[in-house]
Amino acid sequence: MGGDGPGSYDCSGLTQAAWRSAGVSLPRTTYTQINAGTRVPRSGLAPGDLVFFYSGVSHVGLYIGGGKMIHAPRPGAPVRVAPIDEMPFAGATRPA
């Protein structure tokens, strides 16, 4: 597996850690996180929603509003804020 923190995160490790800090347990991978909650349309995104990218659902970020997300681009790279239009949007989930 990639980085699940706290020294280094991969994309799904970051979202898992963020939601864990709010008391919500998420599965470890993007492929399973997309099914952990209620699907939401892009037009209905709210801060905290998980946003997924690429046709294989191989990347996830945490939506923060204003068309932006926080994500870990790759294991070992700094976590950063980026526009969600930076990658091909594949779907979104609102964890419960």
N, C-alpha and C. Protein backbone atom coordinates (compact mmCIF):
# COMPACT_ATOMS: atom_id res chain seq x y z
N MET A 1 0.83 -1.18 0.00
CA MET A 1 0.00 0.00 0.00
C MET A 1 0.87 1.24 0.00
N GLY A 2 0.24 2.33 -0.34
CA GLY A 2 0.95 3.60 -0.35
C GLY A 2 1.04 4.18 1.05
N GLY A 3 1.08 5.48 1.11
CA GLY A 3 1.26 6.14 2.39
C GLY A 3 -0.05 6.37 3.12
N ASP A 4 -0.13 5.87 4.34
CA ASP A 4 -1.33 6.12 5.13
C ASP A 4 -1.03 7.01 6.33
N GLY A 5 0.06 7.79 6.21
CA GLY A 5 0.39 8.83 7.15
C GLY A 5 0.96 8.35 8.46
N PRO A 6 1.28 9.24 9.36
CA PRO A 6 1.16 10.67 9.16
C PRO A 6 2.35 11.32 8.46
N GLY A 7 3.43 10.59 8.25
CA GLY A 7 4.60 11.18 7.61
C GLY A 7 4.48 11.30 6.10
N SER A 8 3.70 10.44 5.49
CA SER A 8 3.53 10.44 4.04
C SER A 8 2.17 9.85 3.71
N TYR A 9 1.46 10.48 2.79
CA TYR A 9 0.14 10.00 2.39
C TYR A 9 0.08 9.72 0.90
N ASP A 10 -0.70 8.70 0.54
CA ASP A 10 -1.15 8.59 -0.83
C ASP A 10 -2.58 9.13 -0.82
N CYS A 11 -3.23 9.16 -1.98
CA CYS A 11 -4.51 9.84 -2.06
C CYS A 11 -5.58 9.24 -1.14
N SER A 12 -5.73 7.93 -1.16
CA SER A 12 -6.78 7.32 -0.33
C SER A 12 -6.39 7.28 1.14
N GLY A 13 -5.11 7.24 1.45
CA GLY A 13 -4.67 7.31 2.83
C GLY A 13 -4.99 8.66 3.45
N LEU A 14 -4.86 9.71 2.64
CA LEU A 14 -5.18 11.06 3.11
C LEU A 14 -6.67 11.20 3.40
N THR A 15 -7.52 10.76 2.48
CA THR A 15 -8.96 10.89 2.70
C THR A 15 -9.40 10.02 3.87
N GLN A 16 -8.82 8.84 4.00
CA GLN A 16 -9.14 7.96 5.11
C GLN A 16 -8.77 8.63 6.44
N ALA A 17 -7.59 9.23 6.51
CA ALA A 17 -7.14 9.89 7.74
C ALA A 17 -8.01 11.10 8.07
N ALA A 18 -8.38 11.87 7.06
CA ALA A 18 -9.22 13.05 7.28
C ALA A 18 -10.57 12.66 7.87
N TRP A 19 -11.21 11.68 7.29
CA TRP A 19 -12.51 11.25 7.79
C TRP A 19 -12.38 10.54 9.14
N ARG A 20 -11.29 9.81 9.35
CA ARG A 20 -11.08 9.15 10.65
C ARG A 20 -11.01 10.20 11.76
N SER A 21 -10.40 11.36 11.46
CA SER A 21 -10.32 12.42 12.48
C SER A 21 -11.70 12.97 12.83
N ALA A 22 -12.68 12.74 11.94
CA ALA A 22 -14.06 13.16 12.21
C ALA A 22 -14.90 12.00 12.76
N GLY A 23 -14.24 10.87 13.04
CA GLY A 23 -14.94 9.73 13.63
C GLY A 23 -15.62 8.81 12.63
N VAL A 24 -15.27 8.93 11.35
CA VAL A 24 -15.88 8.10 10.31
C VAL A 24 -14.82 7.16 9.74
N SER A 25 -15.15 5.89 9.68
CA SER A 25 -14.23 4.88 9.15
C SER A 25 -14.47 4.69 7.66
N LEU A 26 -13.40 4.84 6.87
CA LEU A 26 -13.46 4.60 5.42
C LEU A 26 -12.59 3.42 5.07
N PRO A 27 -12.94 2.70 4.01
CA PRO A 27 -12.04 1.65 3.52
C PRO A 27 -10.73 2.28 3.03
N ARG A 28 -9.75 1.48 2.73
CA ARG A 28 -8.40 1.97 2.44
C ARG A 28 -8.17 2.45 1.00
N THR A 29 -8.82 1.86 0.00
CA THR A 29 -8.47 2.18 -1.39
C THR A 29 -9.53 3.03 -2.09
N THR A 30 -9.12 3.70 -3.15
CA THR A 30 -10.07 4.49 -3.93
C THR A 30 -11.19 3.61 -4.47
N TYR A 31 -10.85 2.39 -4.86
CA TYR A 31 -11.83 1.48 -5.46
C TYR A 31 -12.92 1.10 -4.48
N THR A 32 -12.62 1.12 -3.20
CA THR A 32 -13.63 0.80 -2.19
C THR A 32 -14.23 2.07 -1.57
N GLN A 33 -13.47 3.15 -1.53
CA GLN A 33 -14.00 4.40 -0.97
C GLN A 33 -15.15 4.95 -1.81
N ILE A 34 -15.13 4.74 -3.11
CA ILE A 34 -16.20 5.28 -3.95
C ILE A 34 -17.56 4.67 -3.60
N ASN A 35 -17.55 3.52 -2.96
CA ASN A 35 -18.81 2.87 -2.56
C ASN A 35 -19.13 3.08 -1.08
N ALA A 36 -18.35 3.91 -0.40
CA ALA A 36 -18.53 4.13 1.04
C ALA A 36 -19.30 5.43 1.28
N GLY A 37 -20.57 5.41 1.03
CA GLY A 37 -21.38 6.60 1.24
C GLY A 37 -22.38 6.76 0.13
N THR A 38 -22.95 7.94 0.05
CA THR A 38 -23.96 8.25 -0.94
C THR A 38 -23.32 8.96 -2.12
N ARG A 39 -23.61 8.49 -3.32
CA ARG A 39 -23.09 9.17 -4.51
C ARG A 39 -23.75 10.54 -4.63
N VAL A 40 -22.96 11.51 -5.03
CA VAL A 40 -23.49 12.86 -5.24
C VAL A 40 -23.04 13.34 -6.62
N PRO A 41 -23.91 14.11 -7.29
CA PRO A 41 -23.52 14.64 -8.60
C PRO A 41 -22.50 15.77 -8.42
N ARG A 42 -21.75 16.01 -9.44
CA ARG A 42 -20.74 17.08 -9.40
C ARG A 42 -21.39 18.42 -9.03
N SER A 43 -22.60 18.64 -9.51
CA SER A 43 -23.30 19.90 -9.23
C SER A 43 -23.74 20.01 -7.77
N GLY A 44 -23.72 18.90 -7.02
CA GLY A 44 -24.15 18.91 -5.63
C GLY A 44 -23.03 18.76 -4.63
N LEU A 45 -21.79 18.94 -5.07
CA LEU A 45 -20.64 18.75 -4.16
C LEU A 45 -20.69 19.71 -2.97
N ALA A 46 -20.29 19.19 -1.82
CA ALA A 46 -20.17 19.98 -0.59
C ALA A 46 -18.82 19.69 0.04
N PRO A 47 -18.28 20.64 0.80
CA PRO A 47 -17.00 20.38 1.47
C PRO A 47 -17.04 19.07 2.26
N GLY A 48 -15.97 18.29 2.12
CA GLY A 48 -15.87 17.00 2.78
C GLY A 48 -16.17 15.83 1.87
N ASP A 49 -16.86 16.08 0.76
CA ASP A 49 -17.15 14.99 -0.18
C ASP A 49 -15.86 14.44 -0.76
N LEU A 50 -15.86 13.15 -1.05
CA LEU A 50 -14.74 12.52 -1.73
C LEU A 50 -14.96 12.68 -3.23
N VAL A 51 -13.95 13.16 -3.94
CA VAL A 51 -14.04 13.32 -5.39
C VAL A 51 -13.05 12.38 -6.04
N PHE A 52 -13.52 11.65 -7.04
CA PHE A 52 -12.75 10.59 -7.69
C PHE A 52 -12.45 10.95 -9.13
N PHE A 53 -11.30 10.45 -9.61
CA PHE A 53 -10.83 10.82 -10.93
C PHE A 53 -10.36 9.62 -11.73
N TYR A 54 -10.40 9.78 -13.05
CA TYR A 54 -9.97 8.79 -14.04
C TYR A 54 -11.00 7.67 -14.17
N SER A 55 -11.06 7.09 -15.35
CA SER A 55 -12.07 6.06 -15.62
C SER A 55 -11.90 4.84 -14.73
N GLY A 56 -10.70 4.55 -14.29
CA GLY A 56 -10.47 3.43 -13.39
C GLY A 56 -10.61 3.77 -11.92
N VAL A 57 -11.09 4.97 -11.62
CA VAL A 57 -11.24 5.47 -10.25
C VAL A 57 -9.94 5.25 -9.48
N SER A 58 -8.87 5.79 -10.04
CA SER A 58 -7.55 5.55 -9.47
C SER A 58 -7.00 6.70 -8.62
N HIS A 59 -7.81 7.75 -8.43
CA HIS A 59 -7.34 8.87 -7.60
C HIS A 59 -8.54 9.46 -6.87
N VAL A 60 -8.30 9.93 -5.64
CA VAL A 60 -9.35 10.54 -4.82
C VAL A 60 -8.79 11.76 -4.11
N GLY A 61 -9.66 12.74 -3.95
CA GLY A 61 -9.33 13.94 -3.19
C GLY A 61 -10.49 14.29 -2.26
N LEU A 62 -10.28 15.29 -1.43
CA LEU A 62 -11.28 15.75 -0.48
C LEU A 62 -11.74 17.13 -0.93
N TYR A 63 -13.00 17.24 -1.34
CA TYR A 63 -13.53 18.51 -1.84
C TYR A 63 -13.57 19.54 -0.71
N ILE A 64 -13.14 20.78 -1.01
CA ILE A 64 -13.13 21.83 0.01
C ILE A 64 -14.00 23.02 -0.37
N GLY A 65 -14.67 22.94 -1.52
CA GLY A 65 -15.52 24.02 -1.98
C GLY A 65 -14.84 24.87 -3.04
N GLY A 66 -15.64 25.66 -3.73
CA GLY A 66 -15.10 26.57 -4.74
C GLY A 66 -14.40 25.88 -5.89
N GLY A 67 -14.80 24.63 -6.18
CA GLY A 67 -14.17 23.90 -7.28
C GLY A 67 -12.78 23.37 -6.95
N LYS A 68 -12.43 23.32 -5.66
CA LYS A 68 -11.09 22.88 -5.26
C LYS A 68 -11.13 21.68 -4.32
N MET A 69 -10.01 21.01 -4.25
CA MET A 69 -9.86 19.84 -3.39
C MET A 69 -8.49 19.88 -2.74
N ILE A 70 -8.36 19.07 -1.70
CA ILE A 70 -7.06 18.76 -1.10
C ILE A 70 -6.76 17.34 -1.54
N HIS A 71 -5.53 17.10 -2.00
CA HIS A 71 -5.17 15.74 -2.39
C HIS A 71 -3.67 15.51 -2.26
N ALA A 72 -3.34 14.23 -2.23
CA ALA A 72 -1.94 13.80 -2.22
C ALA A 72 -1.66 13.31 -3.64
N PRO A 73 -0.94 14.09 -4.43
CA PRO A 73 -0.74 13.73 -5.84
C PRO A 73 -0.13 12.34 -6.05
N ARG A 74 0.77 11.96 -5.15
CA ARG A 74 1.40 10.62 -5.22
C ARG A 74 2.10 10.41 -3.88
N PRO A 75 2.36 9.16 -3.51
CA PRO A 75 3.03 8.92 -2.23
C PRO A 75 4.35 9.69 -2.14
N GLY A 76 4.54 10.37 -1.03
CA GLY A 76 5.77 11.11 -0.80
C GLY A 76 5.73 12.55 -1.27
N ALA A 77 4.76 12.91 -2.13
CA ALA A 77 4.64 14.30 -2.59
C ALA A 77 3.85 15.09 -1.56
N PRO A 78 4.10 16.39 -1.46
CA PRO A 78 3.36 17.19 -0.49
C PRO A 78 1.86 17.21 -0.81
N VAL A 79 1.05 17.19 0.23
CA VAL A 79 -0.39 17.36 0.08
C VAL A 79 -0.61 18.78 -0.41
N ARG A 80 -1.57 18.94 -1.35
CA ARG A 80 -1.77 20.28 -1.89
C ARG A 80 -3.23 20.54 -2.24
N VAL A 81 -3.54 21.80 -2.43
CA VAL A 81 -4.86 22.23 -2.91
C VAL A 81 -4.78 22.33 -4.42
N ALA A 82 -5.81 21.83 -5.11
CA ALA A 82 -5.83 21.86 -6.57
C ALA A 82 -7.27 21.98 -7.06
N PRO A 83 -7.47 22.50 -8.26
CA PRO A 83 -8.81 22.53 -8.83
C PRO A 83 -9.26 21.12 -9.20
N ILE A 84 -10.55 20.82 -9.02
CA ILE A 84 -11.02 19.49 -9.39
C ILE A 84 -11.02 19.29 -10.90
N ASP A 85 -10.93 20.37 -11.66
CA ASP A 85 -10.86 20.26 -13.12
C ASP A 85 -9.47 19.84 -13.60
N GLU A 86 -8.54 19.68 -12.69
CA GLU A 86 -7.17 19.32 -13.04
C GLU A 86 -7.06 17.90 -13.62
N MET A 87 -8.03 17.04 -13.28
CA MET A 87 -8.02 15.64 -13.73
C MET A 87 -9.43 15.27 -14.21
N PRO A 88 -9.54 14.18 -14.97
CA PRO A 88 -10.87 13.76 -15.44
C PRO A 88 -11.74 13.25 -14.29
N PHE A 89 -12.83 13.97 -14.05
CA PHE A 89 -13.75 13.65 -12.95
C PHE A 89 -14.49 12.34 -13.23
N ALA A 90 -14.54 11.46 -12.20
CA ALA A 90 -15.18 10.16 -12.36
C ALA A 90 -16.39 9.97 -11.44
N GLY A 91 -16.53 10.80 -10.40
CA GLY A 91 -17.65 10.66 -9.49
C GLY A 91 -17.33 11.23 -8.13
N ALA A 92 -18.34 11.21 -7.27
CA ALA A 92 -18.17 11.74 -5.91
C ALA A 92 -19.05 10.97 -4.94
N THR A 93 -18.59 10.90 -3.70
CA THR A 93 -19.30 10.21 -2.63
C THR A 93 -19.31 11.08 -1.39
N ARG A 94 -20.41 11.02 -0.67
CA ARG A 94 -20.51 11.71 0.62
C ARG A 94 -20.53 10.65 1.72
N PRO A 95 -19.41 10.47 2.42
CA PRO A 95 -19.38 9.48 3.51
C PRO A 95 -20.39 9.82 4.60
N ALA A 96 -20.85 8.77 5.27
CA ALA A 96 -21.82 8.99 6.35
C ALA A 96 -21.31 8.38 7.64
